[in-house]
C-alpha atoms as a PDB file:
ATOM      1  CA  UNK A   1     -19.543  13.561  13.437  1.00  0.00           C
ATOM      2  CA  UNK A   2     -16.643  12.328  10.704  1.00  0.00           C
ATOM      3  CA  UNK A   3     -14.955   9.614  11.107  1.00  0.00           C
ATOM      4  CA  UNK A   4     -11.308   9.559  12.249  1.00  0.00           C
ATOM      5  CA  UNK A   5      -8.390   7.069  13.712  1.00  0.00           C
ATOM      6  CA  UNK A   6      -5.970   8.285  16.114  1.00  0.00           C
ATOM      7  CA  UNK A   7      -2.117   7.313  16.782  1.00  0.00           C
ATOM      8  CA  UNK A   8      -0.669   7.627  20.335  1.00  0.00           C
ATOM      9  CA  UNK A   9       1.551   6.352  23.205  1.00  0.00           C
ATOM     10  CA  UNK A  10       0.909   5.184  25.868  1.00  0.00           C
ATOM     11  CA  UNK A  11       2.577   4.903  29.073  1.00  0.00           C
ATOM     12  CA  UNK A  12       6.312   7.345  28.518  1.00  0.00           C
ATOM     13  CA  UNK A  13       6.731   5.175  25.294  1.00  0.00           C
ATOM     14  CA  UNK A  14       5.555   1.938  26.381  1.00  0.00           C
ATOM     15  CA  UNK A  15       2.706   1.227  24.289  1.00  0.00           C
ATOM     16  CA  UNK A  16       1.594   1.702  20.927  1.00  0.00           C
ATOM     17  CA  UNK A  17      -2.026   2.600  20.474  1.00  0.00           C
ATOM     18  CA  UNK A  18      -4.337   3.367  17.717  1.00  0.00           C
ATOM     19  CA  UNK A  19      -8.333   3.804  17.797  1.00  0.00           C
ATOM     20  CA  UNK A  20     -10.875   4.065  14.903  1.00  0.00           C
ATOM     21  CA  UNK A  21     -14.001   5.345  14.193  1.00  0.00           C
ATOM     22  CA  UNK A  22     -15.841   3.702  11.203  1.00  0.00           C
ATOM     23  CA  UNK A  23     -19.168   4.409  11.145  1.00  0.00           C
ATOM     24  CA  UNK A  24     -19.914   6.449   8.029  1.00  0.00           C
ATOM     25  CA  UNK A  25     -17.097   4.034   6.268  1.00  0.00           C
ATOM     26  CA  UNK A  26     -17.910   0.869   6.796  1.00  0.00           C
ATOM     27  CA  UNK A  27     -21.746   2.184   5.984  1.00  0.00           C
ATOM     28  CA  UNK A  28     -20.745   3.367   2.876  1.00  0.00           C
ATOM     29  CA  UNK A  29     -19.943  -0.391   2.331  1.00  0.00           C
ATOM     30  CA  UNK A  30     -22.484  -0.944   3.912  1.00  0.00           C
ATOM     31  CA  UNK A  31     -24.534   0.407   0.895  1.00  0.00           C
ATOM     32  CA  UNK A  32     -22.262  -0.073  -1.718  1.00  0.00           C
ATOM     33  CA  UNK A  33     -22.984  -3.870  -1.387  1.00  0.00           C
ATOM     34  CA  UNK A  34     -26.430  -3.980  -0.604  1.00  0.00           C
ATOM     35  CA  UNK A  35     -24.777  -6.061   2.616  1.00  0.00           C
ATOM     36  CA  UNK A  36     -27.133  -7.369   5.135  1.00  0.00           C
ATOM     37  CA  UNK A  37     -26.580  -7.985   9.476  1.00  0.00           C
ATOM     38  CA  UNK A  38     -23.600 -10.708   9.640  1.00  0.00           C
ATOM     39  CA  UNK A  39     -21.992  -9.943   6.242  1.00  0.00           C
ATOM     40  CA  UNK A  40     -21.566  -6.088   7.427  1.00  0.00           C
ATOM     41  CA  UNK A  41     -20.939  -6.938  10.759  1.00  0.00           C
ATOM     42  CA  UNK A  42     -17.380  -8.809   8.951  1.00  0.00           C
ATOM     43  CA  UNK A  43     -17.184  -6.488   6.076  1.00  0.00           C
ATOM     44  CA  UNK A  44     -16.784  -3.805   8.776  1.00  0.00           C
ATOM     45  CA  UNK A  45     -14.548  -4.974  11.399  1.00  0.00           C
ATOM     46  CA  UNK A  46     -12.239  -6.507   8.756  1.00  0.00           C
ATOM     47  CA  UNK A  47     -12.355  -2.969   6.805  1.00  0.00           C
ATOM     48  CA  UNK A  48     -11.757  -0.797  10.527  1.00  0.00           C
ATOM     49  CA  UNK A  49      -8.748  -3.519  11.147  1.00  0.00           C
ATOM     50  CA  UNK A  50      -7.134  -2.473   7.409  1.00  0.00           C
ATOM     51  CA  UNK A  51      -7.733   1.497   8.193  1.00  0.00           C
ATOM     52  CA  UNK A  52      -5.473   1.154  11.722  1.00  0.00           C
ATOM     53  CA  UNK A  53      -3.179  -1.465   9.520  1.00  0.00           C
ATOM     54  CA  UNK A  54      -2.842   0.802   6.790  1.00  0.00           C
ATOM     55  CA  UNK A  55      -1.702   4.146   9.504  1.00  0.00           C
ATOM     56  CA  UNK A  56       1.505   2.165  10.324  1.00  0.00           C
ATOM     57  CA  UNK A  57       2.565   2.219   6.740  1.00  0.00           C
ATOM     58  CA  UNK A  58       4.509   5.201   5.736  1.00  0.00           C
ATOM     59  CA  UNK A  59       4.339   7.057   1.966  1.00  0.00           C
ATOM     60  CA  UNK A  60       2.829   5.852  -0.461  1.00  0.00           C
ATOM     61  CA  UNK A  61       2.773   2.853   0.988  1.00  0.00           C
ATOM     62  CA  UNK A  62      -0.653   0.335   0.905  1.00  0.00           C
ATOM     63  CA  UNK A  63      -1.880  -2.940   1.770  1.00  0.00           C
ATOM     64  CA  UNK A  64      -4.572  -5.600   1.649  1.00  0.00           C
ATOM     65  CA  UNK A  65      -5.758  -7.738   4.083  1.00  0.00           C
ATOM     66  CA  UNK A  66      -8.024 -11.094   2.546  1.00  0.00           C
ATOM     67  CA  UNK A  67     -10.221 -13.173   5.032  1.00  0.00           C
ATOM     68  CA  UNK A  68     -10.943 -16.717   3.853  1.00  0.00           C
ATOM     69  CA  UNK A  69     -12.470 -18.439   6.405  1.00  0.00           C
ATOM     70  CA  UNK A  70     -14.214 -21.437   4.006  1.00  0.00           C
ATOM     71  CA  UNK A  71     -17.400 -19.976   5.592  1.00  0.00           C
ATOM     72  CA  UNK A  72     -20.956 -18.577   2.946  1.00  0.00           C
ATOM     73  CA  UNK A  73     -19.885 -15.632   3.401  1.00  0.00           C
ATOM     74  CA  UNK A  74     -16.929 -15.821   1.413  1.00  0.00           C
ATOM     75  CA  UNK A  75     -13.060 -14.056   0.707  1.00  0.00           C
ATOM     76  CA  UNK A  76     -13.971 -10.697   2.402  1.00  0.00           C
ATOM     77  CA  UNK A  77     -10.822  -8.562   0.890  1.00  0.00           C
ATOM     78  CA  UNK A  78     -10.354  -4.505   2.464  1.00  0.00           C
ATOM     79  CA  UNK A  79      -7.688  -2.557   1.219  1.00  0.00           C
ATOM     80  CA  UNK A  80      -6.192   0.171   2.636  1.00  0.00           C
ATOM     81  CA  UNK A  81      -3.405   2.655   2.508  1.00  0.00           C
ATOM     82  CA  UNK A  82      -1.109   5.545   4.770  1.00  0.00           C
ATOM     83  CA  UNK A  83      -3.538   8.874   3.876  1.00  0.00           C
ATOM     84  CA  UNK A  84      -6.815   6.976   6.379  1.00  0.00           C
ATOM     85  CA  UNK A  85      -7.952   5.093   2.972  1.00  0.00           C
ATOM     86  CA  UNK A  86     -10.336   1.909   2.776  1.00  0.00           C
ATOM     87  CA  UNK A  87     -12.456  -0.163   0.829  1.00  0.00           C
ATOM     88  CA  UNK A  88     -13.675  -3.576   0.770  1.00  0.00           C
ATOM     89  CA  UNK A  89     -16.516  -5.983   0.091  1.00  0.00           C
ATOM     90  CA  UNK A  90     -17.319  -9.845   0.482  1.00  0.00           C
ATOM     91  CA  UNK A  91     -17.989 -12.369  -1.896  1.00  0.00           C
ATOM     92  CA  UNK A  92     -21.700 -13.056  -0.366  1.00  0.00           C
ATOM     93  CA  UNK A  93     -22.708  -9.499   0.269  1.00  0.00           C
ATOM     94  CA  UNK A  94     -26.238 -10.844   1.852  1.00  0.00           C
ATOM     95  CA  UNK A  95     -25.639 -13.725   4.553  1.00  0.00           C
ATOM     96  CA  UNK A  96     -27.341 -13.341   7.490  1.00  0.00           C
ATOM     97  CA  UNK A  97     -26.795 -15.571  10.715  1.00  0.00           C
ATOM     98  CA  UNK A  98     -30.391 -15.822  12.304  1.00  0.00           C
ATOM     99  CA  UNK A  99     -28.257 -17.386  15.825  1.00  0.00           C
ATOM    100  CA  UNK A 100     -26.418 -15.183  17.769  1.00  0.00           C
ATOM    101  CA  UNK A 101     -23.451 -16.060  18.898  1.00  0.00           C
ATOM    102  CA  UNK A 102     -23.165 -16.955  22.550  1.00  0.00           C
ATOM    103  CA  UNK A 103     -22.137 -13.264  23.769  1.00  0.00           C
ATOM    104  CA  UNK A 104     -25.501 -12.235  22.041  1.00  0.00           C
ATOM    105  CA  UNK A 105     -23.314 -10.784  19.327  1.00  0.00           C
ATOM    106  CA  UNK A 106     -24.484 -11.130  15.443  1.00  0.00           C
ATOM    107  CA  UNK A 107     -22.385 -13.990  14.897  1.00  0.00           C
ATOM    108  CA  UNK A 108     -19.723 -13.243  12.545  1.00  0.00           C
ATOM    109  CA  UNK A 109     -17.200 -16.169  13.606  1.00  0.00           C
ATOM    110  CA  UNK A 110     -21.041 -18.680  11.889  1.00  0.00           C
ATOM    111  CA  UNK A 111     -20.452 -16.356   9.014  1.00  0.00           C
ATOM    112  CA  UNK A 112     -16.744 -16.303   7.603  1.00  0.00           C
ATOM    113  CA  UNK A 113     -16.014 -19.996   8.652  1.00  0.00           C
ATOM    114  CA  UNK A 114     -12.627 -20.584  10.764  1.00  0.00           C
ATOM    115  CA  UNK A 115     -11.341 -23.409   8.623  1.00  0.00           C
ATOM    116  CA  UNK A 116      -9.316 -20.701   6.358  1.00  0.00           C
ATOM    117  CA  UNK A 117      -6.141 -18.180   7.387  1.00  0.00           C
ATOM    118  CA  UNK A 118      -5.822 -14.343   7.367  1.00  0.00           C
ATOM    119  CA  UNK A 119      -3.078 -13.033   4.540  1.00  0.00           C
ATOM    120  CA  UNK A 120      -1.498  -9.895   4.734  1.00  0.00           C
ATOM    121  CA  UNK A 121      -0.314  -8.072   2.111  1.00  0.00           C
ATOM    122  CA  UNK A 122       1.647  -5.029   2.205  1.00  0.00           C
ATOM    123  CA  UNK A 123       3.628  -3.155  -0.973  1.00  0.00           C
ATOM    124  CA  UNK A 124       5.802  -0.470   0.527  1.00  0.00           C
ATOM    125  CA  UNK A 125       7.240  -0.024  -2.520  1.00  0.00           C
ATOM    126  CA  UNK A 126       9.878  -1.909  -2.838  1.00  0.00           C
ATOM    127  CA  UNK A 127      11.016  -4.873  -5.042  1.00  0.00           C
ATOM    128  CA  UNK A 128       8.705  -7.596  -3.899  1.00  0.00           C
ATOM    129  CA  UNK A 129       5.693  -6.741  -1.195  1.00  0.00           C
ATOM    130  CA  UNK A 130       5.567  -8.168   2.203  1.00  0.00           C
ATOM    131  CA  UNK A 131       3.043 -11.069   2.367  1.00  0.00           C
ATOM    132  CA  UNK A 132       2.214 -12.612   5.787  1.00  0.00           C
ATOM    133  CA  UNK A 133      -0.519 -15.374   7.411  1.00  0.00           C
ATOM    134  CA  UNK A 134      -1.878 -16.997   9.654  1.00  0.00           C
ATOM    135  CA  UNK A 135      -4.788 -19.411  10.043  1.00  0.00           C
ATOM    136  CA  UNK A 136      -8.060 -18.607  11.794  1.00  0.00           C
ATOM    137  CA  UNK A 137      -8.588 -18.546  15.390  1.00  0.00           C
ATOM    138  CA  UNK A 138     -12.240 -18.107  15.756  1.00  0.00           C
ATOM    139  CA  UNK A 139     -14.169 -16.156  13.114  1.00  0.00           C
ATOM    140  CA  UNK A 140     -14.664 -13.113  15.095  1.00  0.00           C
ATOM    141  CA  UNK A 141     -11.995 -11.772  13.176  1.00  0.00           C
ATOM    142  CA  UNK A 142     -10.861  -9.177  16.365  1.00  0.00           C
ATOM    143  CA  UNK A 143      -9.403 -12.171  18.020  1.00  0.00           C
ATOM    144  CA  UNK A 144      -7.741 -13.330  14.603  1.00  0.00           C
ATOM    145  CA  UNK A 145      -6.352  -9.585  13.928  1.00  0.00           C
ATOM    146  CA  UNK A 146      -4.253  -9.911  17.550  1.00  0.00           C
ATOM    147  CA  UNK A 147      -2.638 -13.681  16.990  1.00  0.00           C
ATOM    148  CA  UNK A 148      -2.057 -12.159  13.445  1.00  0.00           C
ATOM    149  CA  UNK A 149       0.289  -9.109  14.594  1.00  0.00           C
ATOM    150  CA  UNK A 150       1.267 -12.076  18.051  1.00  0.00           C
ATOM    151  CA  UNK A 151       2.982 -14.414  14.945  1.00  0.00           C
ATOM    152  CA  UNK A 152       3.012 -12.949  11.783  1.00  0.00           C
ATOM    153  CA  UNK A 153       4.466  -9.330  13.071  1.00  0.00           C
ATOM    154  CA  UNK A 154       6.355 -10.960  16.747  1.00  0.00           C
ATOM    155  CA  UNK A 155       4.615  -8.194  18.642  1.00  0.00           C
ATOM    156  CA  UNK A 156       2.224  -8.814  21.086  1.00  0.00           C
ATOM    157  CA  UNK A 157      -1.458  -6.958  20.965  1.00  0.00           C
ATOM    158  CA  UNK A 158      -4.933  -6.734  21.243  1.00  0.00           C
ATOM    159  CA  UNK A 159      -7.290  -5.622  18.401  1.00  0.00           C
ATOM    160  CA  UNK A 160     -10.619  -4.559  19.319  1.00  0.00           C
ATOM    161  CA  UNK A 161     -13.050  -4.370  16.917  1.00  0.00           C
ATOM    162  CA  UNK A 162     -16.540  -4.195  16.393  1.00  0.00           C
ATOM    163  CA  UNK A 163     -20.480  -2.767  13.982  1.00  0.00           C
ATOM    164  CA  UNK A 164     -23.188  -2.601  15.268  1.00  0.00           C
ATOM    165  CA  UNK A 165     -26.592  -2.985  12.660  1.00  0.00           C
ATOM    166  CA  UNK A 166     -29.811  -1.957  12.586  1.00  0.00           C
ATOM    167  CA  UNK A 167     -33.115  -3.070  12.437  1.00  0.00           C
ATOM    168  CA  UNK A 168     -32.701  -2.025   8.581  1.00  0.00           C
ATOM    169  CA  UNK A 169     -29.944  -2.507   8.304  1.00  0.00           C
ATOM    170  CA  UNK A 170     -28.077   0.368   8.719  1.00  0.00           C
ATOM    171  CA  UNK A 171     -25.199   0.507  11.146  1.00  0.00           C
ATOM    172  CA  UNK A 172     -25.626   1.732  13.901  1.00  0.00           C
ATOM    173  CA  UNK A 173     -21.236   1.723  15.377  1.00  0.00           C
ATOM    174  CA  UNK A 174     -19.007   0.879  14.335  1.00  0.00           C
ATOM    175  CA  UNK A 175     -15.408   0.773  15.279  1.00  0.00           C
ATOM    176  CA  UNK A 176     -11.954  -0.452  16.902  1.00  0.00           C
ATOM    177  CA  UNK A 177      -8.486  -0.611  18.183  1.00  0.00           C
ATOM    178  CA  UNK A 178      -5.823  -1.278  18.479  1.00  0.00           C
ATOM    179  CA  UNK A 179      -2.480  -1.490  21.577  1.00  0.00           C
ATOM    180  CA  UNK A 180       0.775  -3.197  20.787  1.00  0.00           C
ATOM    181  CA  UNK A 181       2.542  -3.628  23.345  1.00  0.00           C
ATOM    182  CA  UNK A 182       6.316  -2.427  22.672  1.00  0.00           C
ATOM    183  CA  UNK A 183       9.892  -3.760  23.395  1.00  0.00           C
ATOM    184  CA  UNK A 184      10.760  -1.700  26.595  1.00  0.00           C
ATOM    185  CA  UNK A 185       6.521  -2.289  27.712  1.00  0.00           C
ATOM    186  CA  UNK A 186       7.070  -3.803  31.578  1.00  0.00           C
ATOM    187  CA  UNK A 187       5.508  -5.607  33.331  1.00  0.00           C
ATOM    188  CA  UNK A 188       3.264  -4.011  35.629  1.00  0.00           C
ATOM    189  CA  UNK A 189       2.415  -2.072  32.339  1.00  0.00           C
ATOM    190  CA  UNK A 190       0.683  -5.648  31.385  1.00  0.00           C
ATOM    191  CA  UNK A 191      -0.920  -6.001  33.337  1.00  0.00           C
ATOM    192  CA  UNK A 192      -3.066  -3.058  34.229  1.00  0.00           C
ATOM    193  CA  UNK A 193      -4.235  -3.064  30.685  1.00  0.00           C
ATOM    194  CA  UNK A 194      -5.071  -6.364  31.066  1.00  0.00           C
ATOM    195  CA  UNK A 195      -7.369  -5.983  33.480  1.00  0.00           C
ATOM    196  CA  UNK A 196      -8.270  -3.020  31.621  1.00  0.00           C
ATOM    197  CA  UNK A 197      -9.739  -5.003  28.839  1.00  0.00           C
ATOM    198  CA  UNK A 198     -10.359  -7.574  31.151  1.00  0.00           C
ATOM    199  CA  UNK A 199     -13.023  -4.630  32.256  1.00  0.00           C
ATOM    200  CA  UNK A 200     -14.178  -2.756  29.301  1.00  0.00           C
ATOM    201  CA  UNK A 201     -17.671  -2.757  26.645  1.00  0.00           C
ATOM    202  CA  UNK A 202     -17.776  -4.466  23.100  1.00  0.00           C
ATOM    203  CA  UNK A 203     -16.076  -1.331  20.954  1.00  0.00           C
ATOM    204  CA  UNK A 204     -18.954  -1.291  19.231  1.00  0.00           C
ATOM    205  CA  UNK A 205     -21.492  -0.037  21.975  1.00  0.00           C
ATOM    206  CA  UNK A 206     -18.698   2.508  23.447  1.00  0.00           C
ATOM    207  CA  UNK A 207     -19.030   4.369  19.807  1.00  0.00           C
ATOM    208  CA  UNK A 208     -23.248   3.989  19.845  1.00  0.00           C
ATOM    209  CA  UNK A 209     -22.821   5.530  23.385  1.00  0.00           C
ATOM    210  CA  UNK A 210     -20.804   8.260  21.149  1.00  0.00           C
ATOM    211  CA  UNK A 211     -17.355   8.526  23.008  1.00  0.00           C
ATOM    212  CA  UNK A 212     -14.218   9.553  20.202  1.00  0.00           C
ATOM    213  CA  UNK A 213     -11.399   7.225  19.754  1.00  0.00           C
ATOM    214  CA  UNK A 214      -9.436   9.259  22.023  1.00  0.00           C
ATOM    215  CA  UNK A 215     -11.612   8.524  24.725  1.00  0.00           C
ATOM    216  CA  UNK A 216     -11.711   5.618  24.026  1.00  0.00           C
ATOM    217  CA  UNK A 217      -8.257   4.822  24.958  1.00  0.00           C
ATOM    218  CA  UNK A 218      -8.574   6.895  27.621  1.00  0.00           C
ATOM    219  CA  UNK A 219     -10.931   4.758  29.023  1.00  0.00           C
ATOM    220  CA  UNK A 220      -8.307   1.068  27.819  1.00  0.00           C
ATOM    221  CA  UNK A 221      -5.543   2.879  29.270  1.00  0.00           C
ATOM    222  CA  UNK A 222      -5.737   5.875  31.821  1.00  0.00           C
ATOM    223  CA  UNK A 223      -6.303   9.153  30.356  1.00  0.00           C
ATOM    224  CA  UNK A 224      -3.299   9.970  32.108  1.00  0.00           C
ATOM    225  CA  UNK A 225      -1.894   7.186  30.829  1.00  0.00           C
ATOM    226  CA  UNK A 226      -2.104   8.543  26.585  1.00  0.00           C
ATOM    227  CA  UNK A 227      -0.279  10.677  24.117  1.00  0.00           C
ATOM    228  CA  UNK A 228      -1.923  11.138  21.143  1.00  0.00           C
ATOM    229  CA  UNK A 229       0.079  11.764  18.738  1.00  0.00           C
ATOM    230  CA  UNK A 230      -1.351  12.501  15.175  1.00  0.00           C
ATOM    231  CA  UNK A 231      -5.621  12.278  14.869  1.00  0.00           C
ATOM    232  CA  UNK A 232      -5.957  11.355  10.761  1.00  0.00           C
ATOM    233  CA  UNK A 233      -9.423  11.240   9.373  1.00  0.00           C
ATOM    234  CA  UNK A 234     -10.673   8.312   7.188  1.00  0.00           C
ATOM    235  CA  UNK A 235     -12.880   7.366   4.609  1.00  0.00           C
ATOM    236  CA  UNK A 236     -14.431   4.504   1.914  1.00  0.00           C
ATOM    237  CA  UNK A 237     -12.318   5.216  -0.837  1.00  0.00           C
ATOM    238  CA  UNK A 238     -12.270   3.295  -4.743  1.00  0.00           C
ATOM    239  CA  UNK A 239      -8.903   3.718  -6.850  1.00  0.00           C
ATOM    240  CA  UNK A 240     -11.412   2.581  -9.687  1.00  0.00           C
ATOM    241  CA  UNK A 241     -12.087   4.681 -12.936  1.00  0.00           C
ATOM    242  CA  UNK A 242     -13.414   3.924 -16.778  1.00  0.00           C
ATOM    243  CA  UNK A 243     -10.094   4.882 -17.175  1.00  0.00           C
ATOM    244  CA  UNK A 244      -8.471   1.696 -15.026  1.00  0.00           C
ATOM    245  CA  UNK A 245     -11.047  -0.826 -17.300  1.00  0.00           C
ATOM    246  CA  UNK A 246     -10.514   0.624 -20.340  1.00  0.00           C
ATOM    247  CA  UNK A 247      -6.437  -0.275 -19.432  1.00  0.00           C
ATOM    248  CA  UNK A 248      -7.429  -4.030 -18.181  1.00  0.00           C
ATOM    249  CA  UNK A 249      -9.876  -3.919 -21.652  1.00  0.00           C
ATOM    250  CA  UNK A 250      -6.737  -3.404 -23.857  1.00  0.00           C
ATOM    251  CA  UNK A 251      -5.038  -6.178 -22.020  1.00  0.00           C
ATOM    252  CA  UNK A 252      -7.628  -8.722 -23.044  1.00  0.00           C
ATOM    253  CA  UNK A 253      -6.064  -8.634 -26.270  1.00  0.00           C
ATOM    254  CA  UNK A 254      -7.040  -7.374 -30.175  1.00  0.00           C
ATOM    255  CA  UNK A 255      -9.393 -10.896 -30.759  1.00  0.00           C
ATOM    256  CA  UNK A 256     -10.876 -10.478 -27.358  1.00  0.00           C
ATOM    257  CA  UNK A 257     -12.364  -6.890 -28.102  1.00  0.00           C
ATOM    258  CA  UNK A 258     -12.823  -7.717 -31.338  1.00  0.00           C
ATOM    259  CA  UNK A 259     -15.511 -10.596 -30.168  1.00  0.00           C
ATOM    260  CA  UNK A 260     -17.297  -7.915 -27.087  1.00  0.00           C
ATOM    261  CA  UNK A 261     -17.770  -5.546 -30.771  1.00  0.00           C
ATOM    262  CA  UNK A 262     -19.328  -7.784 -32.826  1.00  0.00           C
ATOM    263  CA  UNK A 263     -21.172  -9.960 -29.771  1.00  0.00           C
ATOM    264  CA  UNK A 264     -22.877  -7.276 -28.109  1.00  0.00           C
ATOM    265  CA  UNK A 265     -21.535  -4.218 -29.482  1.00  0.00           C
ATOM    266  CA  UNK A 266     -21.193  -2.289 -26.169  1.00  0.00           C
ATOM    267  CA  UNK A 267     -19.692  -3.352 -22.220  1.00  0.00           C
ATOM    268  CA  UNK A 268     -19.572  -2.933 -18.455  1.00  0.00           C
ATOM    269  CA  UNK A 269     -17.103  -3.646 -15.983  1.00  0.00           C
ATOM    270  CA  UNK A 270     -18.278  -3.452 -12.750  1.00  0.00           C
ATOM    271  CA  UNK A 271     -16.345  -2.910 -10.068  1.00  0.00           C
ATOM    272  CA  UNK A 272     -16.036  -5.507  -7.063  1.00  0.00           C
ATOM    273  CA  UNK A 273     -15.363  -2.683  -3.629  1.00  0.00           C
ATOM    274  CA  UNK A 274     -17.084  -0.054  -5.092  1.00  0.00           C
ATOM    275  CA  UNK A 275     -19.815  -1.502  -7.434  1.00  0.00           C
ATOM    276  CA  UNK A 276     -20.132   1.499  -9.451  1.00  0.00           C
ATOM    277  CA  UNK A 277     -20.258   0.281 -13.054  1.00  0.00           C
ATOM    278  CA  UNK A 278     -18.993   2.322 -16.433  1.00  0.00           C
ATOM    279  CA  UNK A 279     -20.012   1.375 -20.312  1.00  0.00           C
ATOM    280  CA  UNK A 280     -18.904   0.760 -22.676  1.00  0.00           C
ATOM    281  CA  UNK A 281     -20.225   1.815 -26.192  1.00  0.00           C
ATOM    282  CA  UNK A 282     -19.171   0.550 -29.726  1.00  0.00           C
ATOM    283  CA  UNK A 283     -17.354   3.007 -30.878  1.00  0.00           C
ATOM    284  CA  UNK A 284     -15.159   3.108 -27.273  1.00  0.00           C
ATOM    285  CA  UNK A 285     -14.558   0.078 -28.344  1.00  0.00           C
ATOM    286  CA  UNK A 286     -13.229   0.943 -31.888  1.00  0.00           C
ATOM    287  CA  UNK A 287     -10.882   3.168 -29.962  1.00  0.00           C
ATOM    288  CA  UNK A 288      -9.885   0.063 -27.277  1.00  0.00           C
ATOM    289  CA  UNK A 289      -9.224  -2.283 -30.205  1.00  0.00           C
ATOM    290  CA  UNK A 290      -6.902  -0.047 -32.141  1.00  0.00           C
ATOM    291  CA  UNK A 291      -5.263   0.877 -29.370  1.00  0.00           C
ATOM    292  CA  UNK A 292      -4.962  -3.483 -28.362  1.00  0.00           C
ATOM    293  CA  UNK A 293      -2.755  -2.375 -32.179  1.00  0.00           C
END
C-alpha cells in the first residue's frame, strides 16, 4: 500500500486532525542514508511530523524542521511542502543506542539529546520566512512537536509519531497523527480525546497491525465523530539536480573553479538529503568557469 495522509475535522468542527502512513517514505530515507535503528526512528519520526505539518500549508509554501539536541545523532533536518513531498537526513546516520527506554522502545531521546531546540521555518512566499523555535522537552520528538504547537503556534495539540525497525535495519512500520483543538472545542470533547489517547497502542503498532490513516483517526476520535476532508499521497522527494549543483559551483567564483580544474581535473557534489552524487568532468568545469566569468 502506498503511503498517504488524510486531513479531517471531528466533533462538528471542534477538532482538526491529520493521520499518515509513512512506511515506504521512511524506508526510502533509510536505504538512501543507511541509517541504523535508533537513527531511523529519529529521522522517520521527524519526517512523519514534517509531512503532516507540510499538509497544513497551501500552494507553493514549504517548511523545514531542524532538531538540534546535542546527542550523538547530531542535527536532524527535514523539508516538506503542501503537496506531500518530504525529504530528510541526520548528521550521523550510523547511530544506535542498544539500551531501550522505559517503555521498551528504541531510545530516540538518548540519541537526539535534550539540550537543544526544535526549529520550524516556513517559507510562505512572503518577503520574510516565519520561524518558530522551542526547547526540546524529551528528545522523543512526539512530545517535542506537541510542545512546539502549544508554545510557538498557540494551538493545543497532540502529536504521535512512531517507527518500527526490523532486525535487518529495514523499516517495518511508520506513521503518525496530529490532533488540534480549535477555539470552539468543548470540555467534554477534550475529556473524551484525553481518555482515548491514554488507552491507544503506539502509533507504529497500529500501522504494523495494518490500520489505515482513516482507521487510526477512528480509534482516536470515534468513527462517528470524524469527517475526512482530503486524502493525499506522500513520498520521499528530493529537489536536487546536476543543474542546481552547477549553479552552486558557479557561485563559488572563478578562482575556486580554476583551482578544481588545476588540482583535480574534475569535481563531485553530493546531496545531503538524498545521497545522490553528481560528477563534473574537466570539460564541464571549464564551461562553468566561463559562466562564472
